[in-house]
N, C-alpha and C. Protein backbone atom coordinates (compact mmCIF):
# COMPACT_ATOMS: atom_id res chain seq x y z
N LYS A 1 -6.31 28.27 -30.01
CA LYS A 1 -5.91 26.87 -30.02
C LYS A 1 -5.69 26.33 -28.61
N ILE A 2 -5.13 27.14 -27.73
CA ILE A 2 -4.90 26.69 -26.35
C ILE A 2 -6.23 26.38 -25.68
N LYS A 3 -7.21 27.26 -25.83
CA LYS A 3 -8.52 27.06 -25.22
C LYS A 3 -9.18 25.79 -25.76
N GLU A 4 -9.01 25.52 -27.06
CA GLU A 4 -9.57 24.30 -27.65
C GLU A 4 -8.93 23.07 -27.02
N TYR A 5 -7.60 23.09 -26.83
CA TYR A 5 -6.91 21.95 -26.23
C TYR A 5 -7.37 21.72 -24.80
N GLN A 6 -7.59 22.78 -24.05
CA GLN A 6 -7.99 22.65 -22.65
C GLN A 6 -9.33 21.94 -22.50
N GLN A 7 -10.14 21.95 -23.53
CA GLN A 7 -11.46 21.31 -23.48
C GLN A 7 -11.44 19.89 -24.02
N THR A 8 -10.31 19.41 -24.50
CA THR A 8 -10.26 18.06 -25.04
C THR A 8 -10.30 17.03 -23.92
N GLU A 9 -10.77 15.84 -24.25
CA GLU A 9 -10.86 14.76 -23.27
C GLU A 9 -9.49 14.43 -22.68
N LYS A 10 -8.46 14.44 -23.53
CA LYS A 10 -7.09 14.14 -23.08
C LYS A 10 -6.63 15.15 -22.03
N ARG A 11 -6.89 16.42 -22.26
CA ARG A 11 -6.47 17.47 -21.32
C ARG A 11 -7.26 17.39 -20.01
N ILE A 12 -8.56 17.15 -20.12
CA ILE A 12 -9.40 17.04 -18.93
C ILE A 12 -8.92 15.87 -18.08
N LYS A 13 -8.62 14.74 -18.72
CA LYS A 13 -8.13 13.56 -17.99
C LYS A 13 -6.80 13.85 -17.32
N SER A 14 -5.85 14.44 -18.03
CA SER A 14 -4.53 14.70 -17.45
C SER A 14 -4.62 15.68 -16.29
N ARG A 15 -5.50 16.69 -16.41
CA ARG A 15 -5.67 17.67 -15.32
C ARG A 15 -6.28 17.01 -14.09
N ARG A 16 -7.27 16.14 -14.30
CA ARG A 16 -7.92 15.46 -13.18
C ARG A 16 -6.91 14.55 -12.45
N ILE A 17 -6.13 13.77 -13.20
CA ILE A 17 -5.14 12.88 -12.59
C ILE A 17 -4.08 13.69 -11.85
N ARG A 18 -3.64 14.79 -12.44
CA ARG A 18 -2.66 15.65 -11.76
C ARG A 18 -3.23 16.15 -10.43
N ASN A 19 -4.50 16.56 -10.42
CA ASN A 19 -5.13 17.03 -9.18
C ASN A 19 -5.21 15.93 -8.15
N TRP A 20 -5.57 14.71 -8.56
CA TRP A 20 -5.62 13.60 -7.61
C TRP A 20 -4.27 13.39 -6.96
N LYS A 21 -3.22 13.42 -7.76
CA LYS A 21 -1.86 13.23 -7.21
C LYS A 21 -1.51 14.34 -6.24
N GLN A 22 -1.90 15.58 -6.56
CA GLN A 22 -1.64 16.71 -5.66
C GLN A 22 -2.40 16.56 -4.35
N TYR A 23 -3.60 15.95 -4.40
CA TYR A 23 -4.38 15.70 -3.19
C TYR A 23 -3.86 14.51 -2.40
N GLY A 24 -2.87 13.79 -2.95
CA GLY A 24 -2.27 12.68 -2.23
C GLY A 24 -2.85 11.32 -2.53
N VAL A 25 -3.65 11.20 -3.59
CA VAL A 25 -4.22 9.91 -3.96
C VAL A 25 -3.10 8.99 -4.44
N VAL A 26 -3.12 7.76 -3.96
CA VAL A 26 -2.12 6.75 -4.34
C VAL A 26 -2.85 5.64 -5.09
N HIS A 27 -2.33 5.29 -6.26
CA HIS A 27 -2.93 4.20 -7.04
C HIS A 27 -1.88 3.65 -7.99
N ASP A 28 -1.96 2.36 -8.30
CA ASP A 28 -1.00 1.72 -9.20
C ASP A 28 -1.23 2.11 -10.66
N ASN A 29 -2.48 2.37 -11.04
CA ASN A 29 -2.79 2.63 -12.44
C ASN A 29 -3.82 3.77 -12.52
N PHE A 30 -3.34 4.99 -12.72
CA PHE A 30 -4.24 6.14 -12.75
C PHE A 30 -5.15 6.14 -13.98
N ASP A 31 -4.70 5.54 -15.09
CA ASP A 31 -5.58 5.44 -16.26
C ASP A 31 -6.79 4.57 -15.94
N GLU A 32 -6.54 3.46 -15.28
CA GLU A 32 -7.62 2.54 -14.87
C GLU A 32 -8.55 3.23 -13.86
N LEU A 33 -7.97 3.95 -12.92
CA LEU A 33 -8.75 4.66 -11.92
C LEU A 33 -9.62 5.73 -12.57
N TYR A 34 -9.07 6.43 -13.55
CA TYR A 34 -9.84 7.46 -14.25
C TYR A 34 -11.03 6.84 -14.98
N GLU A 35 -10.82 5.69 -15.62
CA GLU A 35 -11.92 5.01 -16.32
C GLU A 35 -13.03 4.61 -15.35
N LYS A 36 -12.64 4.11 -14.17
CA LYS A 36 -13.63 3.76 -13.16
C LYS A 36 -14.39 5.01 -12.72
N TYR A 37 -13.67 6.08 -12.48
CA TYR A 37 -14.27 7.34 -12.04
C TYR A 37 -15.28 7.85 -13.08
N ILE A 38 -14.88 7.87 -14.34
CA ILE A 38 -15.73 8.39 -15.41
C ILE A 38 -16.96 7.50 -15.63
N ASN A 39 -16.79 6.19 -15.50
CA ASN A 39 -17.87 5.25 -15.82
C ASN A 39 -18.78 4.90 -14.65
N THR A 40 -18.47 5.37 -13.45
CA THR A 40 -19.34 5.12 -12.30
C THR A 40 -20.49 6.12 -12.34
N GLU A 41 -21.68 5.61 -12.47
CA GLU A 41 -22.86 6.48 -12.64
C GLU A 41 -23.64 6.72 -11.36
N HIS A 42 -23.41 5.88 -10.33
CA HIS A 42 -24.14 6.02 -9.06
C HIS A 42 -23.14 5.98 -7.90
N CYS A 43 -23.45 6.73 -6.86
CA CYS A 43 -22.63 6.73 -5.66
C CYS A 43 -22.51 5.31 -5.12
N GLU A 44 -21.29 4.90 -4.78
CA GLU A 44 -21.06 3.54 -4.32
C GLU A 44 -21.48 3.33 -2.86
N LEU A 45 -21.97 4.38 -2.19
CA LEU A 45 -22.52 4.22 -0.84
C LEU A 45 -24.04 4.36 -0.83
N CYS A 46 -24.55 5.44 -1.40
CA CYS A 46 -26.00 5.70 -1.30
C CYS A 46 -26.77 5.43 -2.59
N SER A 47 -26.08 5.13 -3.66
CA SER A 47 -26.65 4.78 -4.98
C SER A 47 -27.37 5.91 -5.70
N ILE A 48 -27.23 7.14 -5.25
CA ILE A 48 -27.83 8.27 -5.95
C ILE A 48 -27.11 8.47 -7.29
N PRO A 49 -27.82 8.88 -8.35
CA PRO A 49 -27.15 9.16 -9.62
C PRO A 49 -26.15 10.31 -9.46
N LEU A 50 -24.96 10.12 -10.01
CA LEU A 50 -23.90 11.12 -9.91
C LEU A 50 -24.01 12.14 -11.03
N THR A 51 -23.61 13.37 -10.73
CA THR A 51 -23.60 14.44 -11.71
C THR A 51 -22.20 15.01 -11.85
N VAL A 52 -21.98 15.72 -12.94
CA VAL A 52 -20.73 16.45 -13.14
C VAL A 52 -21.14 17.91 -13.18
N ASP A 53 -20.67 18.67 -12.22
CA ASP A 53 -21.09 20.07 -12.07
C ASP A 53 -19.87 20.98 -12.00
N LYS A 54 -20.06 22.22 -12.43
CA LYS A 54 -18.97 23.20 -12.35
C LYS A 54 -18.63 23.48 -10.88
N TYR A 55 -19.66 23.55 -10.04
CA TYR A 55 -19.46 23.75 -8.60
C TYR A 55 -20.06 22.55 -7.88
N ASN A 56 -19.48 22.19 -6.75
CA ASN A 56 -19.95 21.01 -6.03
C ASN A 56 -21.40 21.16 -5.57
N THR A 57 -22.18 20.12 -5.87
CA THR A 57 -23.53 19.98 -5.33
C THR A 57 -23.53 18.67 -4.56
N SER A 58 -24.60 18.33 -3.92
CA SER A 58 -24.63 17.09 -3.12
C SER A 58 -24.44 15.85 -3.99
N THR A 59 -24.74 15.92 -5.29
CA THR A 59 -24.64 14.75 -6.16
C THR A 59 -23.40 14.76 -7.06
N THR A 60 -22.53 15.74 -6.92
CA THR A 60 -21.33 15.80 -7.75
C THR A 60 -20.44 14.59 -7.51
N ARG A 61 -19.95 14.00 -8.59
CA ARG A 61 -19.06 12.82 -8.53
C ARG A 61 -17.73 13.20 -7.88
N CYS A 62 -17.30 12.39 -6.89
CA CYS A 62 -16.04 12.63 -6.17
C CYS A 62 -15.24 11.33 -6.08
N LEU A 63 -13.93 11.47 -6.06
CA LEU A 63 -13.04 10.34 -5.84
C LEU A 63 -12.69 10.32 -4.36
N ASP A 64 -13.13 9.30 -3.65
CA ASP A 64 -12.88 9.20 -2.21
C ASP A 64 -11.58 8.44 -1.98
N HIS A 65 -10.76 8.97 -1.06
CA HIS A 65 -9.51 8.29 -0.70
C HIS A 65 -9.25 8.48 0.79
N ASP A 66 -8.46 7.56 1.34
CA ASP A 66 -8.07 7.63 2.74
C ASP A 66 -7.02 8.73 2.88
N HIS A 67 -7.29 9.72 3.70
CA HIS A 67 -6.38 10.86 3.81
C HIS A 67 -5.07 10.53 4.51
N SER A 68 -5.03 9.45 5.28
CA SER A 68 -3.76 9.10 5.94
C SER A 68 -2.87 8.24 5.06
N THR A 69 -3.46 7.34 4.26
CA THR A 69 -2.65 6.46 3.40
C THR A 69 -2.63 6.92 1.94
N GLY A 70 -3.64 7.69 1.54
CA GLY A 70 -3.75 8.13 0.15
C GLY A 70 -4.44 7.13 -0.76
N LEU A 71 -4.78 5.96 -0.23
CA LEU A 71 -5.35 4.90 -1.06
C LEU A 71 -6.80 5.20 -1.46
N PHE A 72 -7.10 4.95 -2.72
CA PHE A 72 -8.45 5.11 -3.26
C PHE A 72 -9.41 4.18 -2.53
N ARG A 73 -10.63 4.69 -2.25
CA ARG A 73 -11.66 3.86 -1.62
C ARG A 73 -12.85 3.66 -2.54
N ASN A 74 -13.50 4.75 -2.96
CA ASN A 74 -14.73 4.64 -3.74
C ASN A 74 -14.94 5.87 -4.61
N VAL A 75 -15.88 5.74 -5.54
CA VAL A 75 -16.42 6.90 -6.26
C VAL A 75 -17.74 7.21 -5.57
N LEU A 76 -17.83 8.42 -5.01
CA LEU A 76 -18.99 8.80 -4.19
C LEU A 76 -19.60 10.11 -4.66
N CYS A 77 -20.81 10.37 -4.19
CA CYS A 77 -21.39 11.70 -4.35
C CYS A 77 -20.68 12.63 -3.35
N HIS A 78 -20.75 13.92 -3.62
CA HIS A 78 -20.09 14.89 -2.75
C HIS A 78 -20.61 14.79 -1.31
N SER A 79 -21.90 14.55 -1.17
CA SER A 79 -22.50 14.44 0.15
C SER A 79 -21.88 13.30 0.96
N CYS A 80 -21.81 12.11 0.39
CA CYS A 80 -21.21 10.96 1.09
C CYS A 80 -19.71 11.17 1.32
N ASN A 81 -19.05 11.79 0.36
CA ASN A 81 -17.61 12.01 0.49
C ASN A 81 -17.28 12.94 1.66
N THR A 82 -18.07 13.99 1.84
CA THR A 82 -17.79 14.93 2.94
C THR A 82 -18.13 14.31 4.30
N LYS A 83 -19.09 13.41 4.34
CA LYS A 83 -19.43 12.73 5.60
C LYS A 83 -18.37 11.71 6.01
N ARG A 84 -17.62 11.20 5.05
CA ARG A 84 -16.69 10.10 5.28
C ARG A 84 -15.31 10.54 5.76
N ARG A 85 -14.99 11.80 5.66
CA ARG A 85 -13.64 12.26 6.00
C ARG A 85 -13.32 11.92 7.37
């Protein structure tokens, strides 16, 4: 039963939001931010189609944020996100 719960959409969402907070992401509405993240299909910088992968590839969907303020900037591919730091 625990393994089944870990694969539910609710659990995946709560784990992702918890990770964002641990990384220092600041946002007024994490539910709204999660919906934007999930529904963004193309990188907001280079327009490449985004993928969801177990391990990061150049097209893996990433949440970009300013590391000094924590504020969300864009949903990007992993490639654009690593160049922007």
